[in-house]
Amino acid sequence: MSRRVVAAAPGAPHPLGPYSQAVEAGGLVFCAGQIGVDPQTGALVAGGPLAELDQALDNLEAVLAAAGLGLPDVVKVTLFLADLRAGAAVNGRWAERFADPRPARSTVQVAALPAGAQVEIDAIARRRA
């Protein structure tokens, strides 16, 4: 089983704790959770859940790109929301960002997220043979 750690993806914020942005094992790339932090400023973007979702997806794309992958390679996502009432708006934006076939997804409401975020996304991507 090959194993590679993607330690510092250009265009994605540095991890907020002692973890890797992504780890590859057996052809799968496990991406750590991404929140809507602007990698240039290190601050959470303003504008609410949709703005945070866009930035979190941009950050995820940067991590995937560092591993030689993209959003079409994502097979499973967990979406964490501070408030499930944002779900309908998030789903609309989700449909714009992920093409068919879209990855499997779990959505969970949480009590709190890092840095006061309203949205966090983690993902598993598959390297094509």
C-alpha atoms as a PDB file:
ATOM      1  CA  MET A   1       0.000   0.000   0.000  1.00  0.00           C
ATOM      2  CA  SER A   2       1.541   3.309  -1.052  1.00  0.00           C
ATOM      3  CA  ARG A   3       1.244   6.234   1.295  1.00  0.00           C
ATOM      4  CA  ARG A   4       1.884   9.878   0.559  1.00  0.00           C
ATOM      5  CA  VAL A   5       1.158  12.893   2.695  1.00  0.00           C
ATOM      6  CA  VAL A   6       0.249  16.140   0.943  1.00  0.00           C
ATOM      7  CA  ALA A   7       1.710  18.482   3.536  1.00  0.00           C
ATOM      8  CA  ALA A   8       1.281  21.971   2.075  1.00  0.00           C
ATOM      9  CA  ALA A   9      -1.039  22.543  -0.867  1.00  0.00           C
ATOM     10  CA  PRO A  10      -0.476  25.905  -2.551  1.00  0.00           C
ATOM     11  CA  GLY A  11      -3.703  27.867  -2.552  1.00  0.00           C
ATOM     12  CA  ALA A  12      -5.126  26.238   0.580  1.00  0.00           C
ATOM     13  CA  PRO A  13      -4.836  27.570   4.128  1.00  0.00           C
ATOM     14  CA  HIS A  14      -2.394  25.912   6.471  1.00  0.00           C
ATOM     15  CA  PRO A  15      -4.029  23.401   8.833  1.00  0.00           C
ATOM     16  CA  LEU A  16      -5.314  24.861  12.095  1.00  0.00           C
ATOM     17  CA  GLY A  17      -3.839  21.939  14.029  1.00  0.00           C
ATOM     18  CA  PRO A  18      -1.239  19.170  13.864  1.00  0.00           C
ATOM     19  CA  TYR A  19      -2.615  17.241  10.879  1.00  0.00           C
ATOM     20  CA  SER A  20      -2.017  16.821   7.160  1.00  0.00           C
ATOM     21  CA  GLN A  21      -4.193  18.437   4.522  1.00  0.00           C
ATOM     22  CA  ALA A  22      -4.486  15.052   2.815  1.00  0.00           C
ATOM     23  CA  VAL A  23      -3.122  11.534   3.071  1.00  0.00           C
ATOM     24  CA  GLU A  24      -3.083   9.030   0.241  1.00  0.00           C
ATOM     25  CA  ALA A  25      -3.393   5.316   0.891  1.00  0.00           C
ATOM     26  CA  GLY A  26      -4.235   2.553  -1.561  1.00  0.00           C
ATOM     27  CA  GLY A  27      -5.292   4.894  -4.361  1.00  0.00           C
ATOM     28  CA  LEU A  28      -7.612   6.904  -2.118  1.00  0.00           C
ATOM     29  CA  VAL A  29      -6.900  10.451  -0.994  1.00  0.00           C
ATOM     30  CA  PHE A  30      -8.402  11.366   2.359  1.00  0.00           C
ATOM     31  CA  CYS A  31      -8.749  15.141   2.645  1.00  0.00           C
ATOM     32  CA  ALA A  32      -8.943  16.858   6.007  1.00  0.00           C
ATOM     33  CA  GLY A  33     -11.866  19.149   6.696  1.00  0.00           C
ATOM     34  CA  GLN A  34     -11.811  22.507   4.944  1.00  0.00           C
ATOM     35  CA  ILE A  35     -13.579  25.605   6.200  1.00  0.00           C
ATOM     36  CA  GLY A  36     -14.054  28.924   4.450  1.00  0.00           C
ATOM     37  CA  VAL A  37     -10.698  30.415   5.415  1.00  0.00           C
ATOM     38  CA  ASP A  38      -9.133  32.663   2.797  1.00  0.00           C
ATOM     39  CA  PRO A  39      -5.590  31.311   2.340  1.00  0.00           C
ATOM     40  CA  GLN A  40      -4.282  34.820   1.606  1.00  0.00           C
ATOM     41  CA  THR A  41      -5.556  36.447   4.797  1.00  0.00           C
ATOM     42  CA  GLY A  42      -5.982  33.465   7.109  1.00  0.00           C
ATOM     43  CA  ALA A  43      -9.416  34.801   8.039  1.00  0.00           C
ATOM     44  CA  LEU A  44     -12.844  33.267   7.623  1.00  0.00           C
ATOM     45  CA  VAL A  45     -14.584  34.813   4.599  1.00  0.00           C
ATOM     46  CA  ALA A  46     -17.566  37.058   5.230  1.00  0.00           C
ATOM     47  CA  GLY A  47     -20.965  36.490   3.666  1.00  0.00           C
ATOM     48  CA  GLY A  48     -22.451  33.518   5.482  1.00  0.00           C
ATOM     49  CA  PRO A  49     -22.773  29.849   4.621  1.00  0.00           C
ATOM     50  CA  LEU A  50     -22.693  30.160   0.810  1.00  0.00           C
ATOM     51  CA  ALA A  51     -19.565  32.311   0.807  1.00  0.00           C
ATOM     52  CA  GLU A  52     -17.957  29.895   3.262  1.00  0.00           C
ATOM     53  CA  LEU A  53     -19.017  26.911   1.143  1.00  0.00           C
ATOM     54  CA  ASP A  54     -17.459  28.451  -1.969  1.00  0.00           C
ATOM     55  CA  GLN A  55     -14.190  29.142  -0.166  1.00  0.00           C
ATOM     56  CA  ALA A  56     -14.140  25.712   1.495  1.00  0.00           C
ATOM     57  CA  LEU A  57     -14.632  24.091  -1.924  1.00  0.00           C
ATOM     58  CA  ASP A  58     -11.878  26.288  -3.402  1.00  0.00           C
ATOM     59  CA  ASN A  59      -9.622  25.140  -0.553  1.00  0.00           C
ATOM     60  CA  LEU A  60     -10.581  21.510  -1.149  1.00  0.00           C
ATOM     61  CA  GLU A  61      -9.825  21.904  -4.857  1.00  0.00           C
ATOM     62  CA  ALA A  62      -6.355  23.264  -3.992  1.00  0.00           C
ATOM     63  CA  VAL A  63      -5.643  20.268  -1.744  1.00  0.00           C
ATOM     64  CA  LEU A  64      -6.872  17.868  -4.409  1.00  0.00           C
ATOM     65  CA  ALA A  65      -4.781  19.625  -7.077  1.00  0.00           C
ATOM     66  CA  ALA A  66      -1.676  19.162  -4.927  1.00  0.00           C
ATOM     67  CA  ALA A  67      -2.428  15.432  -5.069  1.00  0.00           C
ATOM     68  CA  GLY A  68      -2.993  15.568  -8.840  1.00  0.00           C
ATOM     69  CA  LEU A  69      -6.782  15.274  -8.521  1.00  0.00           C
ATOM     70  CA  GLY A  70      -9.887  17.434  -8.803  1.00  0.00           C
ATOM     71  CA  LEU A  71     -13.529  17.586  -7.738  1.00  0.00           C
ATOM     72  CA  PRO A  72     -14.555  14.963 -10.363  1.00  0.00           C
ATOM     73  CA  ASP A  73     -12.356  12.467  -8.462  1.00  0.00           C
ATOM     74  CA  VAL A  74     -14.243  12.932  -5.182  1.00  0.00           C
ATOM     75  CA  VAL A  75     -16.334   9.879  -4.263  1.00  0.00           C
ATOM     76  CA  LYS A  76     -17.503  10.744  -0.718  1.00  0.00           C
ATOM     77  CA  VAL A  77     -18.011  13.977   1.173  1.00  0.00           C
ATOM     78  CA  THR A  78     -19.100  14.845   4.676  1.00  0.00           C
ATOM     79  CA  LEU A  79     -20.653  18.283   4.919  1.00  0.00           C
ATOM     80  CA  PHE A  80     -20.825  19.806   8.390  1.00  0.00           C
ATOM     81  CA  LEU A  81     -23.259  22.697   8.898  1.00  0.00           C
ATOM     82  CA  ALA A  82     -23.731  24.836  11.971  1.00  0.00           C
ATOM     83  CA  ASP A  83     -27.398  25.203  10.950  1.00  0.00           C
ATOM     84  CA  LEU A  84     -29.269  22.740   8.733  1.00  0.00           C
ATOM     85  CA  ARG A  85     -31.627  25.542   7.696  1.00  0.00           C
ATOM     86  CA  ALA A  86     -28.851  26.588   5.283  1.00  0.00           C
ATOM     87  CA  GLY A  87     -29.256  23.206   3.569  1.00  0.00           C
ATOM     88  CA  ALA A  88     -31.501  24.305   0.687  1.00  0.00           C
ATOM     89  CA  ALA A  89     -29.197  27.159  -0.334  1.00  0.00           C
ATOM     90  CA  VAL A  90     -26.147  24.938   0.111  1.00  0.00           C
ATOM     91  CA  ASN A  91     -27.721  22.243  -2.077  1.00  0.00           C
ATOM     92  CA  GLY A  92     -28.261  24.744  -4.876  1.00  0.00           C
ATOM     93  CA  ARG A  93     -24.644  25.842  -4.787  1.00  0.00           C
ATOM     94  CA  TRP A  94     -23.494  22.216  -4.425  1.00  0.00           C
ATOM     95  CA  ALA A  95     -25.261  21.319  -7.673  1.00  0.00           C
ATOM     96  CA  GLU A  96     -23.343  24.125  -9.415  1.00  0.00           C
ATOM     97  CA  ARG A  97     -19.945  23.010  -8.137  1.00  0.00           C
ATOM     98  CA  PHE A  98     -20.212  19.210  -8.519  1.00  0.00           C
ATOM     99  CA  ALA A  99     -21.051  17.678 -11.898  1.00  0.00           C
ATOM    100  CA  ASP A 100     -22.836  14.359 -12.360  1.00  0.00           C
ATOM    101  CA  PRO A 101     -22.167  11.833 -11.121  1.00  0.00           C
ATOM    102  CA  ARG A 102     -21.948  13.709  -7.836  1.00  0.00           C
ATOM    103  CA  PRO A 103     -20.155  12.142  -4.889  1.00  0.00           C
ATOM    104  CA  ALA A 104     -22.010  10.437  -2.075  1.00  0.00           C
ATOM    105  CA  ARG A 105     -22.580  12.888   0.769  1.00  0.00           C
ATOM    106  CA  SER A 106     -23.514  12.917   4.418  1.00  0.00           C
ATOM    107  CA  THR A 107     -24.720  16.186   5.946  1.00  0.00           C
ATOM    108  CA  VAL A 108     -24.480  16.725   9.668  1.00  0.00           C
ATOM    109  CA  GLN A 109     -25.491  19.643  11.875  1.00  0.00           C
ATOM    110  CA  VAL A 110     -22.850  20.364  14.495  1.00  0.00           C
ATOM    111  CA  ALA A 111     -22.756  22.528  17.608  1.00  0.00           C
ATOM    112  CA  ALA A 112     -19.599  24.362  16.551  1.00  0.00           C
ATOM    113  CA  LEU A 113     -16.868  24.382  13.906  1.00  0.00           C
ATOM    114  CA  PRO A 114     -13.277  25.683  13.990  1.00  0.00           C
ATOM    115  CA  ALA A 115     -12.791  29.462  13.816  1.00  0.00           C
ATOM    116  CA  GLY A 116     -16.545  30.042  14.170  1.00  0.00           C
ATOM    117  CA  ALA A 117     -17.182  28.634  10.687  1.00  0.00           C
ATOM    118  CA  GLN A 118     -20.692  27.713   9.557  1.00  0.00           C
ATOM    119  CA  VAL A 119     -19.539  25.136   6.966  1.00  0.00           C
ATOM    120  CA  GLU A 120     -16.854  22.449   6.876  1.00  0.00           C
ATOM    121  CA  ILE A 121     -16.212  19.832   4.200  1.00  0.00           C
ATOM    122  CA  ASP A 122     -14.059  16.725   4.248  1.00  0.00           C
ATOM    123  CA  ALA A 123     -13.686  14.419   1.276  1.00  0.00           C
ATOM    124  CA  ILE A 124     -12.362  11.143  -0.044  1.00  0.00           C
ATOM    125  CA  ALA A 125     -11.144  11.081  -3.634  1.00  0.00           C
ATOM    126  CA  ARG A 126     -10.107   8.146  -5.790  1.00  0.00           C
ATOM    127  CA  ARG A 127      -7.134   8.099  -8.076  1.00  0.00           C
ATOM    128  CA  ARG A 128      -8.197   6.817 -11.489  1.00  0.00           C
ATOM    129  CA  ALA A 129      -6.359   3.728 -12.704  1.00  0.00           C
END
